[in-house]
Amino acid sequence: MSWLWIALLAASVVVLIGAEWPRLSGNLGAQARAKRERARRKQQFKLLKSESEEFAASVERDLSQLPTIEEERDRRR
């Protein structure tokens, strides 16, 4: 009768592994390794603060120089 208990134990291990496989593959698979490597690379990035006021002023200057519909109507008259 010991072979029956061994078979039941083996079946329960197979069922447990089958149930936990998505979680295990997420932590141990090739994709998980790629995610960890990407996270390490991202930690090395530094955020550079730009001069946002100067940028906003240049955008406003560029927008003011664009032709508008009102200007086209004025030209036709």
PDB file of N, CA and C in Angstrom:
ATOM      1  N   MET A   1       0.809  -1.186   0.000  1.00  0.00           N
ATOM      2  CA  MET A   1       0.000   0.000   0.000  1.00  0.00           C
ATOM      3  C   MET A   1       0.861   1.262   0.000  1.00  0.00           C
ATOM      4  N   SER A   2       2.134   1.160   0.207  1.00  0.00           N
ATOM      5  CA  SER A   2       3.016   2.324   0.217  1.00  0.00           C
ATOM      6  C   SER A   2       3.123   2.947  -1.172  1.00  0.00           C
ATOM      7  N   TRP A   3       3.005   2.160  -2.225  1.00  0.00           N
ATOM      8  CA  TRP A   3       3.076   2.719  -3.572  1.00  0.00           C
ATOM      9  C   TRP A   3       1.897   3.646  -3.837  1.00  0.00           C
ATOM     10  N   LEU A   4       0.732   3.367  -3.211  1.00  0.00           N
ATOM     11  CA  LEU A   4      -0.438   4.229  -3.365  1.00  0.00           C
ATOM     12  C   LEU A   4      -0.179   5.593  -2.732  1.00  0.00           C
ATOM     13  N   TRP A   5       0.418   5.602  -1.560  1.00  0.00           N
ATOM     14  CA  TRP A   5       0.721   6.870  -0.890  1.00  0.00           C
ATOM     15  C   TRP A   5       1.758   7.668  -1.677  1.00  0.00           C
ATOM     16  N   ILE A   6       2.736   6.995  -2.247  1.00  0.00           N
ATOM     17  CA  ILE A   6       3.749   7.684  -3.059  1.00  0.00           C
ATOM     18  C   ILE A   6       3.101   8.280  -4.304  1.00  0.00           C
ATOM     19  N   ALA A   7       2.198   7.534  -4.930  1.00  0.00           N
ATOM     20  CA  ALA A   7       1.500   8.036  -6.121  1.00  0.00           C
ATOM     21  C   ALA A   7       0.633   9.237  -5.761  1.00  0.00           C
ATOM     22  N   LEU A   8      -0.066   9.181  -4.634  1.00  0.00           N
ATOM     23  CA  LEU A   8      -0.886  10.323  -4.200  1.00  0.00           C
ATOM     24  C   LEU A   8      -0.029  11.540  -3.876  1.00  0.00           C
ATOM     25  N   LEU A   9       1.100  11.311  -3.238  1.00  0.00           N
ATOM     26  CA  LEU A   9       2.010  12.423  -2.937  1.00  0.00           C
ATOM     27  C   LEU A   9       2.544  13.047  -4.221  1.00  0.00           C
ATOM     28  N   ALA A  10       2.940  12.216  -5.177  1.00  0.00           N
ATOM     29  CA  ALA A  10       3.439  12.727  -6.459  1.00  0.00           C
ATOM     30  C   ALA A  10       2.349  13.489  -7.198  1.00  0.00           C
ATOM     31  N   ALA A  11       1.129  12.979  -7.173  1.00  0.00           N
ATOM     32  CA  ALA A  11       0.014  13.667  -7.838  1.00  0.00           C
ATOM     33  C   ALA A  11      -0.268  15.006  -7.176  1.00  0.00           C
ATOM     34  N   SER A  12      -0.192  15.052  -5.851  1.00  0.00           N
ATOM     35  CA  SER A  12      -0.453  16.321  -5.167  1.00  0.00           C
ATOM     36  C   SER A  12       0.646  17.343  -5.469  1.00  0.00           C
ATOM     37  N   VAL A  13       1.887  16.873  -5.600  1.00  0.00           N
ATOM     38  CA  VAL A  13       2.980  17.792  -5.964  1.00  0.00           C
ATOM     39  C   VAL A  13       2.765  18.329  -7.371  1.00  0.00           C
ATOM     40  N   VAL A  14       2.342  17.475  -8.297  1.00  0.00           N
ATOM     41  CA  VAL A  14       2.082  17.908  -9.674  1.00  0.00           C
ATOM     42  C   VAL A  14       0.942  18.924  -9.710  1.00  0.00           C
ATOM     43  N   VAL A  15      -0.113  18.691  -8.946  1.00  0.00           N
ATOM     44  CA  VAL A  15      -1.245  19.622  -8.896  1.00  0.00           C
ATOM     45  C   VAL A  15      -0.802  20.955  -8.298  1.00  0.00           C
ATOM     46  N   LEU A  16      -0.006  20.912  -7.249  1.00  0.00           N
ATOM     47  CA  LEU A  16       0.481  22.144  -6.616  1.00  0.00           C
ATOM     48  C   LEU A  16       1.339  22.946  -7.579  1.00  0.00           C
ATOM     49  N   ILE A  17       2.242  22.278  -8.276  1.00  0.00           N
ATOM     50  CA  ILE A  17       3.093  22.978  -9.249  1.00  0.00           C
ATOM     51  C   ILE A  17       2.244  23.545 -10.389  1.00  0.00           C
ATOM     52  N   GLY A  18       1.255  22.786 -10.835  1.00  0.00           N
ATOM     53  CA  GLY A  18       0.371  23.276 -11.902  1.00  0.00           C
ATOM     54  C   GLY A  18      -0.420  24.496 -11.477  1.00  0.00           C
ATOM     55  N   ALA A  19      -0.848  24.524 -10.230  1.00  0.00           N
ATOM     56  CA  ALA A  19      -1.630  25.659  -9.743  1.00  0.00           C
ATOM     57  C   ALA A  19      -0.757  26.899  -9.548  1.00  0.00           C
ATOM     58  N   GLU A  20       0.483  26.711  -9.156  1.00  0.00           N
ATOM     59  CA  GLU A  20       1.369  27.840  -8.872  1.00  0.00           C
ATOM     60  C   GLU A  20       2.248  28.231 -10.050  1.00  0.00           C
ATOM     61  N   TRP A  21       2.114  27.539 -11.171  1.00  0.00           N
ATOM     62  CA  TRP A  21       3.005  27.789 -12.297  1.00  0.00           C
ATOM     63  C   TRP A  21       2.979  29.235 -12.800  1.00  0.00           C
ATOM     64  N   PRO A  22       1.825  29.882 -12.959  1.00  0.00           N
ATOM     65  CA  PRO A  22       1.857  31.273 -13.450  1.00  0.00           C
ATOM     66  C   PRO A  22       2.657  32.200 -12.523  1.00  0.00           C
ATOM     67  N   ARG A  23       2.496  32.025 -11.237  1.00  0.00           N
ATOM     68  CA  ARG A  23       3.230  32.878 -10.293  1.00  0.00           C
ATOM     69  C   ARG A  23       4.716  32.546 -10.325  1.00  0.00           C
ATOM     70  N   LEU A  24       5.054  31.270 -10.396  1.00  0.00           N
ATOM     71  CA  LEU A  24       6.457  30.872 -10.426  1.00  0.00           C
ATOM     72  C   LEU A  24       7.148  31.321 -11.709  1.00  0.00           C
ATOM     73  N   SER A  25       6.473  31.189 -12.836  1.00  0.00           N
ATOM     74  CA  SER A  25       7.096  31.597 -14.093  1.00  0.00           C
ATOM     75  C   SER A  25       7.268  33.112 -14.146  1.00  0.00           C
ATOM     76  N   GLY A  26       6.383  33.842 -13.482  1.00  0.00           N
ATOM     77  CA  GLY A  26       6.528  35.299 -13.436  1.00  0.00           C
ATOM     78  C   GLY A  26       7.728  35.735 -12.629  1.00  0.00           C
ATOM     79  N   ASN A  27       8.123  34.940 -11.647  1.00  0.00           N
ATOM     80  CA  ASN A  27       9.260  35.298 -10.796  1.00  0.00           C
ATOM     81  C   ASN A  27      10.574  34.680 -11.258  1.00  0.00           C
ATOM     82  N   LEU A  28      10.512  33.587 -11.987  1.00  0.00           N
ATOM     83  CA  LEU A  28      11.728  32.847 -12.301  1.00  0.00           C
ATOM     84  C   LEU A  28      12.052  32.771 -13.782  1.00  0.00           C
ATOM     85  N   GLY A  29      11.170  33.180 -14.648  1.00  0.00           N
ATOM     86  CA  GLY A  29      11.362  32.980 -16.087  1.00  0.00           C
ATOM     87  C   GLY A  29      12.270  34.003 -16.727  1.00  0.00           C
ATOM     88  N   ALA A  30      12.407  33.874 -18.042  1.00  0.00           N
ATOM     89  CA  ALA A  30      13.256  34.781 -18.816  1.00  0.00           C
ATOM     90  C   ALA A  30      12.682  36.193 -18.825  1.00  0.00           C
ATOM     91  N   GLN A  31      11.362  36.298 -18.847  1.00  0.00           N
ATOM     92  CA  GLN A  31      10.750  37.631 -18.826  1.00  0.00           C
ATOM     93  C   GLN A  31      11.022  38.337 -17.508  1.00  0.00           C
ATOM     94  N   ALA A  32      11.021  37.585 -16.416  1.00  0.00           N
ATOM     95  CA  ALA A  32      11.310  38.182 -15.114  1.00  0.00           C
ATOM     96  C   ALA A  32      12.746  38.698 -15.073  1.00  0.00           C
ATOM     97  N   ARG A  33      13.658  37.951 -15.665  1.00  0.00           N
ATOM     98  CA  ARG A  33      15.048  38.386 -15.710  1.00  0.00           C
ATOM     99  C   ARG A  33      15.171  39.666 -16.518  1.00  0.00           C
ATOM    100  N   ALA A  34      14.466  39.731 -17.638  1.00  0.00           N
ATOM    101  CA  ALA A  34      14.502  40.936 -18.474  1.00  0.00           C
ATOM    102  C   ALA A  34      13.917  42.124 -17.723  1.00  0.00           C
ATOM    103  N   LYS A  35      12.841  41.904 -16.958  1.00  0.00           N
ATOM    104  CA  LYS A  35      12.260  42.995 -16.170  1.00  0.00           C
ATOM    105  C   LYS A  35      13.231  43.491 -15.113  1.00  0.00           C
ATOM    106  N   ARG A  36      13.937  42.562 -14.468  1.00  0.00           N
ATOM    107  CA  ARG A  36      14.902  42.975 -13.444  1.00  0.00           C
ATOM    108  C   ARG A  36      16.047  43.763 -14.060  1.00  0.00           C
ATOM    109  N   GLU A  37      16.536  43.330 -15.221  1.00  0.00           N
ATOM    110  CA  GLU A  37      17.611  44.055 -15.893  1.00  0.00           C
ATOM    111  C   GLU A  37      17.155  45.447 -16.311  1.00  0.00           C
ATOM    112  N   ARG A  38      15.926  45.541 -16.803  1.00  0.00           N
ATOM    113  CA  ARG A  38      15.395  46.844 -17.208  1.00  0.00           C
ATOM    114  C   ARG A  38      15.247  47.758 -16.003  1.00  0.00           C
ATOM    115  N   ALA A  39      14.801  47.201 -14.881  1.00  0.00           N
ATOM    116  CA  ALA A  39      14.660  48.004 -13.662  1.00  0.00           C
ATOM    117  C   ALA A  39      16.021  48.519 -13.200  1.00  0.00           C
ATOM    118  N   ARG A  40      17.055  47.695 -13.316  1.00  0.00           N
ATOM    119  CA  ARG A  40      18.402  48.144 -12.931  1.00  0.00           C
ATOM    120  C   ARG A  40      18.871  49.282 -13.837  1.00  0.00           C
ATOM    121  N   ARG A  41      18.603  49.145 -15.146  1.00  0.00           N
ATOM    122  CA  ARG A  41      19.009  50.209 -16.071  1.00  0.00           C
ATOM    123  C   ARG A  41      18.260  51.499 -15.781  1.00  0.00           C
ATOM    124  N   LYS A  42      16.972  51.373 -15.465  1.00  0.00           N
ATOM    125  CA  LYS A  42      16.167  52.563 -15.207  1.00  0.00           C
ATOM    126  C   LYS A  42      16.615  53.273 -13.935  1.00  0.00           C
ATOM    127  N   GLN A  43      17.165  52.546 -12.965  1.00  0.00           N
ATOM    128  CA  GLN A  43      17.629  53.178 -11.737  1.00  0.00           C
ATOM    129  C   GLN A  43      18.825  54.084 -12.001  1.00  0.00           C
ATOM    130  N   GLN A  44      19.556  53.821 -13.063  1.00  0.00           N
ATOM    131  CA  GLN A  44      20.734  54.625 -13.366  1.00  0.00           C
ATOM    132  C   GLN A  44      20.384  55.943 -14.064  1.00  0.00           C
ATOM    133  N   PHE A  45      19.163  56.058 -14.561  1.00  0.00           N
ATOM    134  CA  PHE A  45      18.758  57.295 -15.225  1.00  0.00           C
ATOM    135  C   PHE A  45      18.631  58.428 -14.225  1.00  0.00           C
ATOM    136  N   LYS A  46      18.967  59.610 -14.681  1.00  0.00           N
ATOM    137  CA  LYS A  46      18.806  60.795 -13.842  1.00  0.00           C
ATOM    138  C   LYS A  46      17.882  61.761 -14.562  1.00  0.00           C
ATOM    139  N   LEU A  47      16.985  62.343 -13.835  1.00  0.00           N
ATOM    140  CA  LEU A  47      16.062  63.302 -14.407  1.00  0.00           C
ATOM    141  C   LEU A  47      16.738  64.657 -14.480  1.00  0.00           C
ATOM    142  N   LEU A  48      16.800  65.191 -15.675  1.00  0.00           N
ATOM    143  CA  LEU A  48      17.396  66.502 -15.879  1.00  0.00           C
ATOM    144  C   LEU A  48      16.291  67.538 -15.911  1.00  0.00           C
ATOM    145  N   LYS A  49      16.417  68.533 -15.092  1.00  0.00           N
ATOM    146  CA  LYS A  49      15.410  69.588 -15.068  1.00  0.00           C
ATOM    147  C   LYS A  49      15.785  70.644 -16.099  1.00  0.00           C
ATOM    148  N   SER A  50      14.852  70.910 -16.971  1.00  0.00           N
ATOM    149  CA  SER A  50      15.104  71.902 -18.015  1.00  0.00           C
ATOM    150  C   SER A  50      14.521  73.248 -17.583  1.00  0.00           C
ATOM    151  N   GLU A  51      14.847  74.226 -18.335  1.00  0.00           N
ATOM    152  CA  GLU A  51      14.335  75.565 -18.053  1.00  0.00           C
ATOM    153  C   GLU A  51      12.960  75.679 -18.701  1.00  0.00           C
ATOM    154  N   SER A  52      11.943  75.336 -17.953  1.00  0.00           N
ATOM    155  CA  SER A  52      10.602  75.246 -18.514  1.00  0.00           C
ATOM    156  C   SER A  52      10.030  76.613 -18.875  1.00  0.00           C
ATOM    157  N   GLU A  53      10.385  77.654 -18.150  1.00  0.00           N
ATOM    158  CA  GLU A  53       9.859  78.983 -18.483  1.00  0.00           C
ATOM    159  C   GLU A  53      10.380  79.443 -19.838  1.00  0.00           C
ATOM    160  N   GLU A  54      11.642  79.189 -20.093  1.00  0.00           N
ATOM    161  CA  GLU A  54      12.222  79.577 -21.376  1.00  0.00           C
ATOM    162  C   GLU A  54      11.581  78.780 -22.508  1.00  0.00           C
ATOM    163  N   PHE A  55      11.344  77.503 -22.266  1.00  0.00           N
ATOM    164  CA  PHE A  55      10.696  76.659 -23.266  1.00  0.00           C
ATOM    165  C   PHE A  55       9.275  77.137 -23.527  1.00  0.00           C
ATOM    166  N   ALA A  56       8.539  77.456 -22.476  1.00  0.00           N
ATOM    167  CA  ALA A  56       7.166  77.925 -22.640  1.00  0.00           C
ATOM    168  C   ALA A  56       7.137  79.229 -23.430  1.00  0.00           C
ATOM    169  N   ALA A  57       8.079  80.104 -23.163  1.00  0.00           N
ATOM    170  CA  ALA A  57       8.133  81.365 -23.897  1.00  0.00           C
ATOM    171  C   ALA A  57       8.427  81.121 -25.381  1.00  0.00           C
ATOM    172  N   SER A  58       9.316  80.178 -25.675  1.00  0.00           N
ATOM    173  CA  SER A  58       9.624  79.910 -27.086  1.00  0.00           C
ATOM    174  C   SER A  58       8.428  79.286 -27.794  1.00  0.00           C
ATOM    175  N   VAL A  59       7.673  78.448 -27.099  1.00  0.00           N
ATOM    176  CA  VAL A  59       6.478  77.857 -27.697  1.00  0.00           C
ATOM    177  C   VAL A  59       5.448  78.935 -27.968  1.00  0.00           C
ATOM    178  N   GLU A  60       5.251  79.837 -27.030  1.00  0.00           N
ATOM    179  CA  GLU A  60       4.297  80.937 -27.244  1.00  0.00           C
ATOM    180  C   GLU A  60       4.725  81.802 -28.411  1.00  0.00           C
ATOM    181  N   ARG A  61       6.026  82.076 -28.546  1.00  0.00           N
ATOM    182  CA  ARG A  61       6.521  82.862 -29.685  1.00  0.00           C
ATOM    183  C   ARG A  61       6.224  82.147 -30.987  1.00  0.00           C
ATOM    184  N   ASP A  62       6.492  80.842 -31.016  1.00  0.00           N
ATOM    185  CA  ASP A  62       6.251  80.086 -32.247  1.00  0.00           C
ATOM    186  C   ASP A  62       4.766  80.049 -32.591  1.00  0.00           C
ATOM    187  N   LEU A  63       3.926  79.867 -31.596  1.00  0.00           N
ATOM    188  CA  LEU A  63       2.482  79.836 -31.856  1.00  0.00           C
ATOM    189  C   LEU A  63       1.956  81.179 -32.327  1.00  0.00           C
ATOM    190  N   SER A  64       2.515  82.248 -31.808  1.00  0.00           N
ATOM    191  CA  SER A  64       2.036  83.564 -32.234  1.00  0.00           C
ATOM    192  C   SER A  64       2.434  83.860 -33.678  1.00  0.00           C
ATOM    193  N   GLN A  65       3.457  83.223 -34.180  1.00  0.00           N
ATOM    194  CA  GLN A  65       3.901  83.457 -35.553  1.00  0.00           C
ATOM    195  C   GLN A  65       3.170  82.589 -36.571  1.00  0.00           C
ATOM    196  N   LEU A  66       2.411  81.617 -36.124  1.00  0.00           N
ATOM    197  CA  LEU A  66       1.680  80.758 -37.049  1.00  0.00           C
ATOM    198  C   LEU A  66       0.512  81.512 -37.671  1.00  0.00           C
ATOM    199  N   PRO A  67       0.213  81.248 -38.939  1.00  0.00           N
ATOM    200  CA  PRO A  67      -0.940  81.911 -39.564  1.00  0.00           C
ATOM    201  C   PRO A  67      -2.245  81.365 -38.972  1.00  0.00           C
ATOM    202  N   THR A  68      -3.234  82.229 -38.895  1.00  0.00           N
ATOM    203  CA  THR A  68      -4.531  81.827 -38.352  1.00  0.00           C
ATOM    204  C   THR A  68      -5.611  82.030 -39.397  1.00  0.00           C
ATOM    205  N   ILE A  69      -6.782  81.555 -39.118  1.00  0.00           N
ATOM    206  CA  ILE A  69      -7.911  81.696 -40.047  1.00  0.00           C
ATOM    207  C   ILE A  69      -8.311  83.162 -40.176  1.00  0.00           C
ATOM    208  N   GLU A  70      -8.254  83.898 -39.091  1.00  0.00           N
ATOM    209  CA  GLU A  70      -8.620  85.311 -39.139  1.00  0.00           C
ATOM    210  C   GLU A  70      -7.717  86.092 -40.080  1.00  0.00           C
ATOM    211  N   GLU A  71      -6.426  85.765 -40.103  1.00  0.00           N
ATOM    212  CA  GLU A  71      -5.495  86.456 -40.995  1.00  0.00           C
ATOM    213  C   GLU A  71      -5.848  86.183 -42.456  1.00  0.00           C
ATOM    214  N   GLU A  72      -6.271  84.957 -42.770  1.00  0.00           N
ATOM    215  CA  GLU A  72      -6.646  84.633 -44.137  1.00  0.00           C
ATOM    216  C   GLU A  72      -7.896  85.404 -44.541  1.00  0.00           C
ATOM    217  N   ARG A  73      -8.845  85.549 -43.633  1.00  0.00           N
ATOM    218  CA  ARG A  73     -10.061  86.308 -43.931  1.00  0.00           C
ATOM    219  C   ARG A  73      -9.724  87.795 -44.171  1.00  0.00           C
ATOM    220  N   ASP A  74      -8.803  88.332 -43.355  1.00  0.00           N
ATOM    221  CA  ASP A  74      -8.411  89.722 -43.519  1.00  0.00           C
ATOM    222  C   ASP A  74      -7.713  89.947 -44.851  1.00  0.00           C
ATOM    223  N   ARG A  75      -6.948  89.011 -45.300  1.00  0.00           N
ATOM    224  CA  ARG A  75      -6.239  89.147 -46.590  1.00  0.00           C
ATOM    225  C   ARG A  75      -7.220  89.164 -47.759  1.00  0.00           C
ATOM    226  N   ARG A  76      -8.307  88.392 -47.650  1.00  0.00           N
ATOM    227  CA  ARG A  76      -9.280  88.313 -48.722  1.00  0.00           C
ATOM    228  C   ARG A  76     -10.079  89.607 -48.850  1.00  0.00           C
ATOM    229  N   ARG A  77     -10.233  90.314 -47.788  1.00  0.00           N
ATOM    230  CA  ARG A  77     -11.040  91.557 -47.836  1.00  0.00           C
ATOM    231  C   ARG A  77     -10.269  92.679 -48.393  1.00  0.00           C
TER     232      ARG A  77
END
